[in-house]
Amino acid sequence: MEYFGVFSFIMVLVLMGKVSRLERILRDNGIGVVRAAGLGEQVRKQIGRTVGLTVEAGDFDVYGKECKILDADEEWALVLANEGKKDECEKLIRLDSVKQIKVK
């Protein structure tokens, strides 16, 4: 009986990944839920500032980062992210995956 529960749990994880990929494909093709209007404009106003971004990455992983916004358009943002004490790297973030912006 335990095997059935483990198998079901694994199947749920696999299927949830497929659902999120399908949702991304539908969004890319303009089908389905309309994106939050003006997110690109809000991010463009913050160019040059350090903000806290909460981003959804992959299969339901959500993480927050302190980032300096370098450039942005309606779909993408180029940020300089802190990766430790002195490490910084440039990252390209899709605005569809941004869940929250905290201005410092």
PDB file of N, CA and C in Angstrom:
ATOM      1  N   MET A   1       0.825  -1.197   0.000  1.00  0.00           N
ATOM      2  CA  MET A   1       0.000   0.000   0.000  1.00  0.00           C
ATOM      3  C   MET A   1       0.869   1.260   0.000  1.00  0.00           C
ATOM      4  N   GLU A   2       2.036   1.210   0.663  1.00  0.00           N
ATOM      5  CA  GLU A   2       2.922   2.375   0.688  1.00  0.00           C
ATOM      6  C   GLU A   2       3.447   2.681  -0.712  1.00  0.00           C
ATOM      7  N   TYR A   3       3.654   1.635  -1.502  1.00  0.00           N
ATOM      8  CA  TYR A   3       4.172   1.822  -2.849  1.00  0.00           C
ATOM      9  C   TYR A   3       3.189   2.621  -3.704  1.00  0.00           C
ATOM     10  N   PHE A   4       1.909   2.368  -3.509  1.00  0.00           N
ATOM     11  CA  PHE A   4       0.900   3.102  -4.257  1.00  0.00           C
ATOM     12  C   PHE A   4       0.964   4.592  -3.918  1.00  0.00           C
ATOM     13  N   GLY A   5       1.136   4.918  -2.654  1.00  0.00           N
ATOM     14  CA  GLY A   5       1.243   6.313  -2.229  1.00  0.00           C
ATOM     15  C   GLY A   5       2.480   6.997  -2.799  1.00  0.00           C
ATOM     16  N   VAL A   6       3.625   6.328  -2.777  1.00  0.00           N
ATOM     17  CA  VAL A   6       4.855   6.887  -3.332  1.00  0.00           C
ATOM     18  C   VAL A   6       4.716   7.077  -4.836  1.00  0.00           C
ATOM     19  N   PHE A   7       4.162   6.074  -5.516  1.00  0.00           N
ATOM     20  CA  PHE A   7       3.952   6.170  -6.959  1.00  0.00           C
ATOM     21  C   PHE A   7       3.023   7.337  -7.289  1.00  0.00           C
ATOM     22  N   SER A   8       1.956   7.508  -6.538  1.00  0.00           N
ATOM     23  CA  SER A   8       1.016   8.603  -6.770  1.00  0.00           C
ATOM     24  C   SER A   8       1.692   9.958  -6.561  1.00  0.00           C
ATOM     25  N   PHE A   9       2.495  10.074  -5.530  1.00  0.00           N
ATOM     26  CA  PHE A   9       3.207  11.313  -5.247  1.00  0.00           C
ATOM     27  C   PHE A   9       4.151  11.668  -6.401  1.00  0.00           C
ATOM     28  N   ILE A  10       4.880  10.711  -6.910  1.00  0.00           N
ATOM     29  CA  ILE A  10       5.801  10.948  -8.023  1.00  0.00           C
ATOM     30  C   ILE A  10       5.028  11.363  -9.270  1.00  0.00           C
ATOM     31  N   MET A  11       3.903  10.713  -9.529  1.00  0.00           N
ATOM     32  CA  MET A  11       3.091  11.056 -10.696  1.00  0.00           C
ATOM     33  C   MET A  11       2.547  12.487 -10.588  1.00  0.00           C
ATOM     34  N   VAL A  12       2.135  12.899  -9.399  1.00  0.00           N
ATOM     35  CA  VAL A  12       1.639  14.263  -9.203  1.00  0.00           C
ATOM     36  C   VAL A  12       2.742  15.270  -9.515  1.00  0.00           C
ATOM     37  N   LEU A  13       3.959  15.029  -9.046  1.00  0.00           N
ATOM     38  CA  LEU A  13       5.065  15.940  -9.326  1.00  0.00           C
ATOM     39  C   LEU A  13       5.357  16.036 -10.818  1.00  0.00           C
ATOM     40  N   VAL A  14       5.348  14.913 -11.501  1.00  0.00           N
ATOM     41  CA  VAL A  14       5.612  14.897 -12.942  1.00  0.00           C
ATOM     42  C   VAL A  14       4.515  15.653 -13.692  1.00  0.00           C
ATOM     43  N   LEU A  15       3.274  15.391 -13.331  1.00  0.00           N
ATOM     44  CA  LEU A  15       2.166  16.040 -14.027  1.00  0.00           C
ATOM     45  C   LEU A  15       2.090  17.529 -13.740  1.00  0.00           C
ATOM     46  N   MET A  16       2.464  17.965 -12.548  1.00  0.00           N
ATOM     47  CA  MET A  16       2.467  19.394 -12.242  1.00  0.00           C
ATOM     48  C   MET A  16       3.520  20.112 -13.074  1.00  0.00           C
ATOM     49  N   GLY A  17       4.639  19.466 -13.328  1.00  0.00           N
ATOM     50  CA  GLY A  17       5.657  20.044 -14.201  1.00  0.00           C
ATOM     51  C   GLY A  17       5.144  20.211 -15.617  1.00  0.00           C
ATOM     52  N   LYS A  18       4.390  19.216 -16.101  1.00  0.00           N
ATOM     53  CA  LYS A  18       3.816  19.310 -17.440  1.00  0.00           C
ATOM     54  C   LYS A  18       2.786  20.424 -17.522  1.00  0.00           C
ATOM     55  N   VAL A  19       2.004  20.597 -16.470  1.00  0.00           N
ATOM     56  CA  VAL A  19       1.000  21.660 -16.452  1.00  0.00           C
ATOM     57  C   VAL A  19       1.673  23.025 -16.509  1.00  0.00           C
ATOM     58  N   SER A  20       2.744  23.210 -15.744  1.00  0.00           N
ATOM     59  CA  SER A  20       3.414  24.508 -15.764  1.00  0.00           C
ATOM     60  C   SER A  20       4.044  24.785 -17.124  1.00  0.00           C
ATOM     61  N   ARG A  21       4.591  23.760 -17.779  1.00  0.00           N
ATOM     62  CA  ARG A  21       5.124  23.948 -19.133  1.00  0.00           C
ATOM     63  C   ARG A  21       4.012  24.307 -20.111  1.00  0.00           C
ATOM     64  N   LEU A  22       2.856  23.655 -19.994  1.00  0.00           N
ATOM     65  CA  LEU A  22       1.728  23.959 -20.863  1.00  0.00           C
ATOM     66  C   LEU A  22       1.243  25.390 -20.641  1.00  0.00           C
ATOM     67  N   GLU A  23       1.175  25.825 -19.394  1.00  0.00           N
ATOM     68  CA  GLU A  23       0.771  27.196 -19.105  1.00  0.00           C
ATOM     69  C   GLU A  23       1.741  28.188 -19.726  1.00  0.00           C
ATOM     70  N   ARG A  24       3.050  27.903 -19.670  1.00  0.00           N
ATOM     71  CA  ARG A  24       4.054  28.782 -20.273  1.00  0.00           C
ATOM     72  C   ARG A  24       3.867  28.855 -21.780  1.00  0.00           C
ATOM     73  N   ILE A  25       3.597  27.716 -22.433  1.00  0.00           N
ATOM     74  CA  ILE A  25       3.383  27.695 -23.884  1.00  0.00           C
ATOM     75  C   ILE A  25       2.141  28.514 -24.240  1.00  0.00           C
ATOM     76  N   LEU A  26       1.083  28.371 -23.460  1.00  0.00           N
ATOM     77  CA  LEU A  26      -0.139  29.137 -23.725  1.00  0.00           C
ATOM     78  C   LEU A  26       0.097  30.631 -23.549  1.00  0.00           C
ATOM     79  N   ARG A  27       0.835  31.022 -22.507  1.00  0.00           N
ATOM     80  CA  ARG A  27       1.145  32.433 -22.300  1.00  0.00           C
ATOM     81  C   ARG A  27       1.980  32.982 -23.453  1.00  0.00           C
ATOM     82  N   ASP A  28       2.976  32.217 -23.910  1.00  0.00           N
ATOM     83  CA  ASP A  28       3.834  32.661 -25.010  1.00  0.00           C
ATOM     84  C   ASP A  28       3.059  32.876 -26.297  1.00  0.00           C
ATOM     85  N   ASN A  29       2.000  32.112 -26.492  1.00  0.00           N
ATOM     86  CA  ASN A  29       1.186  32.232 -27.698  1.00  0.00           C
ATOM     87  C   ASN A  29      -0.005  33.162 -27.527  1.00  0.00           C
ATOM     88  N   GLY A  30      -0.096  33.822 -26.382  1.00  0.00           N
ATOM     89  CA  GLY A  30      -1.158  34.795 -26.161  1.00  0.00           C
ATOM     90  C   GLY A  30      -2.506  34.190 -25.862  1.00  0.00           C
ATOM     91  N   ILE A  31      -2.538  32.945 -25.425  1.00  0.00           N
ATOM     92  CA  ILE A  31      -3.792  32.271 -25.120  1.00  0.00           C
ATOM     93  C   ILE A  31      -3.921  32.171 -23.606  1.00  0.00           C
ATOM     94  N   GLY A  32      -5.107  32.430 -23.085  1.00  0.00           N
ATOM     95  CA  GLY A  32      -5.323  32.232 -21.659  1.00  0.00           C
ATOM     96  C   GLY A  32      -5.349  33.540 -20.893  1.00  0.00           C
ATOM     97  N   VAL A  33      -4.881  33.482 -19.677  1.00  0.00           N
ATOM     98  CA  VAL A  33      -4.943  34.600 -18.744  1.00  0.00           C
ATOM     99  C   VAL A  33      -4.055  35.742 -19.235  1.00  0.00           C
ATOM    100  N   VAL A  34      -4.582  36.945 -19.147  1.00  0.00           N
ATOM    101  CA  VAL A  34      -3.833  38.129 -19.557  1.00  0.00           C
ATOM    102  C   VAL A  34      -2.827  38.480 -18.464  1.00  0.00           C
ATOM    103  N   ARG A  35      -1.610  38.838 -18.877  1.00  0.00           N
ATOM    104  CA  ARG A  35      -0.565  39.192 -17.924  1.00  0.00           C
ATOM    105  C   ARG A  35      -0.913  40.462 -17.177  1.00  0.00           C
ATOM    106  N   ALA A  36      -0.253  40.663 -16.058  1.00  0.00           N
ATOM    107  CA  ALA A  36      -0.423  41.891 -15.302  1.00  0.00           C
ATOM    108  C   ALA A  36       0.068  43.062 -16.152  1.00  0.00           C
ATOM    109  N   ALA A  37      -0.828  43.972 -16.427  1.00  0.00           N
ATOM    110  CA  ALA A  37      -0.497  45.080 -17.315  1.00  0.00           C
ATOM    111  C   ALA A  37       0.485  46.020 -16.632  1.00  0.00           C
ATOM    112  N   GLY A  38       1.469  46.447 -17.387  1.00  0.00           N
ATOM    113  CA  GLY A  38       2.367  47.466 -16.880  1.00  0.00           C
ATOM    114  C   GLY A  38       3.515  46.980 -16.028  1.00  0.00           C
ATOM    115  N   LEU A  39       3.736  45.690 -15.903  1.00  0.00           N
ATOM    116  CA  LEU A  39       4.848  45.213 -15.079  1.00  0.00           C
ATOM    117  C   LEU A  39       6.174  45.650 -15.682  1.00  0.00           C
ATOM    118  N   GLY A  40       6.281  45.593 -16.990  1.00  0.00           N
ATOM    119  CA  GLY A  40       7.495  46.050 -17.652  1.00  0.00           C
ATOM    120  C   GLY A  40       7.747  47.523 -17.394  1.00  0.00           C
ATOM    121  N   GLU A  41       6.700  48.320 -17.414  1.00  0.00           N
ATOM    122  CA  GLU A  41       6.826  49.756 -17.134  1.00  0.00           C
ATOM    123  C   GLU A  41       7.259  50.002 -15.693  1.00  0.00           C
ATOM    124  N   GLN A  42       6.705  49.238 -14.747  1.00  0.00           N
ATOM    125  CA  GLN A  42       7.098  49.383 -13.343  1.00  0.00           C
ATOM    126  C   GLN A  42       8.565  49.035 -13.129  1.00  0.00           C
ATOM    127  N   VAL A  43       9.024  47.986 -13.809  1.00  0.00           N
ATOM    128  CA  VAL A  43      10.421  47.580 -13.678  1.00  0.00           C
ATOM    129  C   VAL A  43      11.326  48.614 -14.341  1.00  0.00           C
ATOM    130  N   ARG A  44      10.910  49.172 -15.473  1.00  0.00           N
ATOM    131  CA  ARG A  44      11.721  50.189 -16.156  1.00  0.00           C
ATOM    132  C   ARG A  44      11.906  51.433 -15.312  1.00  0.00           C
ATOM    133  N   LYS A  45      10.915  51.759 -14.489  1.00  0.00           N
ATOM    134  CA  LYS A  45      11.047  52.917 -13.594  1.00  0.00           C
ATOM    135  C   LYS A  45      12.109  52.691 -12.523  1.00  0.00           C
ATOM    136  N   GLN A  46      12.436  51.439 -12.257  1.00  0.00           N
ATOM    137  CA  GLN A  46      13.395  51.102 -11.201  1.00  0.00           C
ATOM    138  C   GLN A  46      14.806  50.865 -11.740  1.00  0.00           C
ATOM    139  N   ILE A  47      15.076  51.156 -13.002  1.00  0.00           N
ATOM    140  CA  ILE A  47      16.408  50.941 -13.582  1.00  0.00           C
ATOM    141  C   ILE A  47      17.439  51.746 -12.796  1.00  0.00           C
ATOM    142  N   GLY A  48      18.518  51.050 -12.423  1.00  0.00           N
ATOM    143  CA  GLY A  48      19.586  51.678 -11.645  1.00  0.00           C
ATOM    144  C   GLY A  48      19.406  51.544 -10.149  1.00  0.00           C
ATOM    145  N   ARG A  49      18.267  51.085  -9.695  1.00  0.00           N
ATOM    146  CA  ARG A  49      17.992  50.926  -8.257  1.00  0.00           C
ATOM    147  C   ARG A  49      18.144  49.473  -7.846  1.00  0.00           C
ATOM    148  N   THR A  50      18.386  49.284  -6.553  1.00  0.00           N
ATOM    149  CA  THR A  50      18.435  47.940  -5.993  1.00  0.00           C
ATOM    150  C   THR A  50      17.051  47.607  -5.447  1.00  0.00           C
ATOM    151  N   VAL A  51      16.513  46.478  -5.892  1.00  0.00           N
ATOM    152  CA  VAL A  51      15.180  46.040  -5.474  1.00  0.00           C
ATOM    153  C   VAL A  51      15.256  44.584  -5.020  1.00  0.00           C
ATOM    154  N   GLY A  52      14.251  44.164  -4.305  1.00  0.00           N
ATOM    155  CA  GLY A  52      14.106  42.753  -3.948  1.00  0.00           C
ATOM    156  C   GLY A  52      13.103  42.113  -4.892  1.00  0.00           C
ATOM    157  N   LEU A  53      13.537  41.102  -5.631  1.00  0.00           N
ATOM    158  CA  LEU A  53      12.652  40.411  -6.564  1.00  0.00           C
ATOM    159  C   LEU A  53      12.320  39.030  -6.025  1.00  0.00           C
ATOM    160  N   THR A  54      11.046  38.704  -6.001  1.00  0.00           N
ATOM    161  CA  THR A  54      10.606  37.354  -5.692  1.00  0.00           C
ATOM    162  C   THR A  54      10.239  36.708  -7.018  1.00  0.00           C
ATOM    163  N   VAL A  55      10.974  35.626  -7.354  1.00  0.00           N
ATOM    164  CA  VAL A  55      10.872  35.018  -8.674  1.00  0.00           C
ATOM    165  C   VAL A  55      10.497  33.549  -8.531  1.00  0.00           C
ATOM    166  N   GLU A  56       9.588  33.090  -9.414  1.00  0.00           N
ATOM    167  CA  GLU A  56       9.261  31.668  -9.501  1.00  0.00           C
ATOM    168  C   GLU A  56      10.241  31.036 -10.478  1.00  0.00           C
ATOM    169  N   ALA A  57      10.942  29.995 -10.015  1.00  0.00           N
ATOM    170  CA  ALA A  57      11.948  29.356 -10.871  1.00  0.00           C
ATOM    171  C   ALA A  57      11.676  27.867 -10.937  1.00  0.00           C
ATOM    172  N   GLY A  58      11.369  27.384 -12.116  1.00  0.00           N
ATOM    173  CA  GLY A  58      11.189  25.944 -12.294  1.00  0.00           C
ATOM    174  C   GLY A  58       9.899  25.434 -11.704  1.00  0.00           C
ATOM    175  N   ASP A  59       9.985  24.258 -11.114  1.00  0.00           N
ATOM    176  CA  ASP A  59       8.802  23.575 -10.594  1.00  0.00           C
ATOM    177  C   ASP A  59       8.451  24.072  -9.204  1.00  0.00           C
ATOM    178  N   PHE A  60       7.722  25.161  -9.154  1.00  0.00           N
ATOM    179  CA  PHE A  60       7.150  25.711  -7.934  1.00  0.00           C
ATOM    180  C   PHE A  60       8.197  26.168  -6.926  1.00  0.00           C
ATOM    181  N   ASP A  61       9.438  26.414  -7.352  1.00  0.00           N
ATOM    182  CA  ASP A  61      10.444  26.995  -6.474  1.00  0.00           C
ATOM    183  C   ASP A  61      10.300  28.508  -6.552  1.00  0.00           C
ATOM    184  N   VAL A  62      10.247  29.151  -5.392  1.00  0.00           N
ATOM    185  CA  VAL A  62      10.165  30.605  -5.340  1.00  0.00           C
ATOM    186  C   VAL A  62      11.319  31.080  -4.477  1.00  0.00           C
ATOM    187  N   TYR A  63      12.063  32.061  -4.991  1.00  0.00           N
ATOM    188  CA  TYR A  63      13.167  32.591  -4.205  1.00  0.00           C
ATOM    189  C   TYR A  63      13.217  34.104  -4.366  1.00  0.00           C
ATOM    190  N   GLY A  64      13.792  34.745  -3.366  1.00  0.00           N
ATOM    191  CA  GLY A  64      13.936  36.192  -3.377  1.00  0.00           C
ATOM    192  C   GLY A  64      15.392  36.573  -3.516  1.00  0.00           C
ATOM    193  N   LYS A  65      15.657  37.617  -4.275  1.00  0.00           N
ATOM    194  CA  LYS A  65      17.019  38.075  -4.525  1.00  0.00           C
ATOM    195  C   LYS A  65      17.067  39.589  -4.437  1.00  0.00           C
ATOM    196  N   GLU A  66      18.181  40.093  -3.907  1.00  0.00           N
ATOM    197  CA  GLU A  66      18.486  41.511  -3.978  1.00  0.00           C
ATOM    198  C   GLU A  66      19.166  41.737  -5.316  1.00  0.00           C
ATOM    199  N   CYS A  67      18.598  42.575  -6.169  1.00  0.00           N
ATOM    200  CA  CYS A  67      19.119  42.774  -7.513  1.00  0.00           C
ATOM    201  C   CYS A  67      19.140  44.257  -7.854  1.00  0.00           C
ATOM    202  N   LYS A  68      20.102  44.623  -8.686  1.00  0.00           N
ATOM    203  CA  LYS A  68      20.129  45.955  -9.271  1.00  0.00           C
ATOM    204  C   LYS A  68      19.646  45.806 -10.703  1.00  0.00           C
ATOM    205  N   ILE A  69      18.611  46.539 -11.065  1.00  0.00           N
ATOM    206  CA  ILE A  69      18.027  46.424 -12.397  1.00  0.00           C
ATOM    207  C   ILE A  69      18.869  47.236 -13.373  1.00  0.00           C
ATOM    208  N   LEU A  70      19.375  46.562 -14.407  1.00  0.00           N
ATOM    209  CA  LEU A  70      20.214  47.210 -15.409  1.00  0.00           C
ATOM    210  C   LEU A  70      19.417  47.658 -16.632  1.00  0.00           C
ATOM    211  N   ASP A  71      18.477  46.826 -17.072  1.00  0.00           N
ATOM    212  CA  ASP A  71      17.679  47.143 -18.254  1.00  0.00           C
ATOM    213  C   ASP A  71      16.405  46.308 -18.210  1.00  0.00           C
ATOM    214  N   ALA A  72      15.361  46.771 -18.897  1.00  0.00           N
ATOM    215  CA  ALA A  72      14.099  46.029 -18.905  1.00  0.00           C
ATOM    216  C   ALA A  72      13.287  46.400 -20.134  1.00  0.00           C
ATOM    217  N   ASP A  73      12.461  45.462 -20.578  1.00  0.00           N
ATOM    218  CA  ASP A  73      11.455  45.738 -21.592  1.00  0.00           C
ATOM    219  C   ASP A  73      10.153  45.112 -21.121  1.00  0.00           C
ATOM    220  N   GLU A  74       9.214  44.852 -22.016  1.00  0.00           N
ATOM    221  CA  GLU A  74       7.908  44.328 -21.616  1.00  0.00           C
ATOM    222  C   GLU A  74       7.936  42.870 -21.177  1.00  0.00           C
ATOM    223  N   GLU A  75       8.941  42.088 -21.593  1.00  0.00           N
ATOM    224  CA  GLU A  75       8.971  40.670 -21.265  1.00  0.00           C
ATOM    225  C   GLU A  75      10.170  40.243 -20.430  1.00  0.00           C
ATOM    226  N   TRP A  76      11.294  40.972 -20.498  1.00  0.00           N
ATOM    227  CA  TRP A  76      12.532  40.545 -19.850  1.00  0.00           C
ATOM    228  C   TRP A  76      13.137  41.686 -19.034  1.00  0.00           C
ATOM    229  N   ALA A  77      13.930  41.310 -18.021  1.00  0.00           N
ATOM    230  CA  ALA A  77      14.688  42.282 -17.236  1.00  0.00           C
ATOM    231  C   ALA A  77      16.111  41.755 -17.065  1.00  0.00           C
ATOM    232  N   LEU A  78      17.092  42.622 -17.278  1.00  0.00           N
ATOM    233  CA  LEU A  78      18.490  42.297 -17.056  1.00  0.00           C
ATOM    234  C   LEU A  78      18.863  42.858 -15.698  1.00  0.00           C
ATOM    235  N   VAL A  79      19.291  41.972 -14.791  1.00  0.00           N
ATOM    236  CA  VAL A  79      19.602  42.393 -13.424  1.00  0.00           C
ATOM    237  C   VAL A  79      21.013  41.955 -13.048  1.00  0.00           C
ATOM    238  N   LEU A  80      21.587  42.669 -12.078  1.00  0.00           N
ATOM    239  CA  LEU A  80      22.863  42.305 -11.493  1.00  0.00           C
ATOM    240  C   LEU A  80      22.545  41.743 -10.111  1.00  0.00           C
ATOM    241  N   ALA A  81      22.673  40.428  -9.953  1.00  0.00           N
ATOM    242  CA  ALA A  81      22.248  39.744  -8.727  1.00  0.00           C
ATOM    243  C   ALA A  81      23.440  39.464  -7.824  1.00  0.00           C
ATOM    244  N   ASN A  82      23.233  39.628  -6.530  1.00  0.00           N
ATOM    245  CA  ASN A  82      24.255  39.282  -5.545  1.00  0.00           C
ATOM    246  C   ASN A  82      24.235  37.784  -5.320  1.00  0.00           C
ATOM    247  N   GLU A  83      25.386  37.139  -5.473  1.00  0.00           N
ATOM    248  CA  GLU A  83      25.494  35.690  -5.325  1.00  0.00           C
ATOM    249  C   GLU A  83      26.359  35.305  -4.131  1.00  0.00           C
ATOM    250  N   GLY A  84      26.496  36.158  -3.188  1.00  0.00           N
ATOM    251  CA  GLY A  84      27.340  35.867  -2.034  1.00  0.00           C
ATOM    252  C   GLY A  84      27.978  37.149  -1.536  1.00  0.00           C
ATOM    253  N   LYS A  85      29.114  37.007  -0.848  1.00  0.00           N
ATOM    254  CA  LYS A  85      29.764  38.174  -0.265  1.00  0.00           C
ATOM    255  C   LYS A  85      30.190  39.187  -1.324  1.00  0.00           C
ATOM    256  N   LYS A  86      31.006  38.755  -2.289  1.00  0.00           N
ATOM    257  CA  LYS A  86      31.514  39.680  -3.294  1.00  0.00           C
ATOM    258  C   LYS A  86      31.148  39.265  -4.716  1.00  0.00           C
ATOM    259  N   ASP A  87      30.453  38.169  -4.856  1.00  0.00           N
ATOM    260  CA  ASP A  87      30.112  37.662  -6.181  1.00  0.00           C
ATOM    261  C   ASP A  87      28.835  38.320  -6.685  1.00  0.00           C
ATOM    262  N   GLU A  88      28.905  38.835  -7.899  1.00  0.00           N
ATOM    263  CA  GLU A  88      27.738  39.379  -8.575  1.00  0.00           C
ATOM    264  C   GLU A  88      27.717  38.830  -9.992  1.00  0.00           C
ATOM    265  N   CYS A  89      26.526  38.561 -10.505  1.00  0.00           N
ATOM    266  CA  CYS A  89      26.432  38.095 -11.885  1.00  0.00           C
ATOM    267  C   CYS A  89      25.188  38.689 -12.535  1.00  0.00           C
ATOM    268  N   GLU A  90      25.289  38.879 -13.835  1.00  0.00           N
ATOM    269  CA  GLU A  90      24.156  39.384 -14.604  1.00  0.00           C
ATOM    270  C   GLU A  90      23.216  38.232 -14.920  1.00  0.00           C
ATOM    271  N   LYS A  91      21.922  38.482 -14.747  1.00  0.00           N
ATOM    272  CA  LYS A  91      20.917  37.462 -15.054  1.00  0.00           C
ATOM    273  C   LYS A  91      19.808  38.099 -15.871  1.00  0.00           C
ATOM    274  N   LEU A  92      19.260  37.313 -16.779  1.00  0.00           N
ATOM    275  CA  LEU A  92      18.127  37.732 -17.576  1.00  0.00           C
ATOM    276  C   LEU A  92      16.897  37.028 -17.005  1.00  0.00           C
ATOM    277  N   ILE A  93      15.938  37.807 -16.536  1.00  0.00           N
ATOM    278  CA  ILE A  93      14.759  37.260 -15.854  1.00  0.00           C
ATOM    279  C   ILE A  93      13.517  37.572 -16.681  1.00  0.00           C
ATOM    280  N   ARG A  94      12.717  36.556 -16.890  1.00  0.00           N
ATOM    281  CA  ARG A  94      11.443  36.735 -17.603  1.00  0.00           C
ATOM    282  C   ARG A  94      10.438  37.354 -16.630  1.00  0.00           C
ATOM    283  N   LEU A  95       9.773  38.429 -17.032  1.00  0.00           N
ATOM    284  CA  LEU A  95       8.861  39.137 -16.144  1.00  0.00           C
ATOM    285  C   LEU A  95       7.626  38.328 -15.797  1.00  0.00           C
ATOM    286  N   ASP A  96       7.287  37.307 -16.587  1.00  0.00           N
ATOM    287  CA  ASP A  96       6.181  36.426 -16.239  1.00  0.00           C
ATOM    288  C   ASP A  96       6.466  35.657 -14.958  1.00  0.00           C
ATOM    289  N   SER A  97       7.742  35.433 -14.654  1.00  0.00           N
ATOM    290  CA  SER A  97       8.096  34.665 -13.473  1.00  0.00           C
ATOM    291  C   SER A  97       8.267  35.519 -12.226  1.00  0.00           C
ATOM    292  N   VAL A  98       8.205  36.853 -12.360  1.00  0.00           N
ATOM    293  CA  VAL A  98       8.346  37.749 -11.208  1.00  0.00           C
ATOM    294  C   VAL A  98       7.023  37.785 -10.463  1.00  0.00           C
ATOM    295  N   LYS A  99       7.089  37.466  -9.181  1.00  0.00           N
ATOM    296  CA  LYS A  99       5.877  37.453  -8.358  1.00  0.00           C
ATOM    297  C   LYS A  99       5.724  38.727  -7.530  1.00  0.00           C
ATOM    298  N   GLN A 100       6.871  39.326  -7.124  1.00  0.00           N
ATOM    299  CA  GLN A 100       6.794  40.494  -6.250  1.00  0.00           C
ATOM    300  C   GLN A 100       8.036  41.351  -6.453  1.00  0.00           C
ATOM    301  N   ILE A 101       7.866  42.663  -6.375  1.00  0.00           N
ATOM    302  CA  ILE A 101       8.981  43.614  -6.436  1.00  0.00           C
ATOM    303  C   ILE A 101       8.930  44.455  -5.185  1.00  0.00           C
ATOM    304  N   LYS A 102      10.033  44.477  -4.435  1.00  0.00           N
ATOM    305  CA  LYS A 102      10.123  45.315  -3.238  1.00  0.00           C
ATOM    306  C   LYS A 102      11.188  46.373  -3.485  1.00  0.00           C
ATOM    307  N   VAL A 103      10.785  47.631  -3.490  1.00  0.00           N
ATOM    308  CA  VAL A 103      11.720  48.724  -3.709  1.00  0.00           C
ATOM    309  C   VAL A 103      12.391  49.064  -2.391  1.00  0.00           C
ATOM    310  N   LYS A 104      13.721  49.150  -2.452  1.00  0.00           N
ATOM    311  CA  LYS A 104      14.488  49.462  -1.237  1.00  0.00           C
ATOM    312  C   LYS A 104      14.673  50.953  -1.092  1.00  0.00           C
TER     313      LYS A 104
END
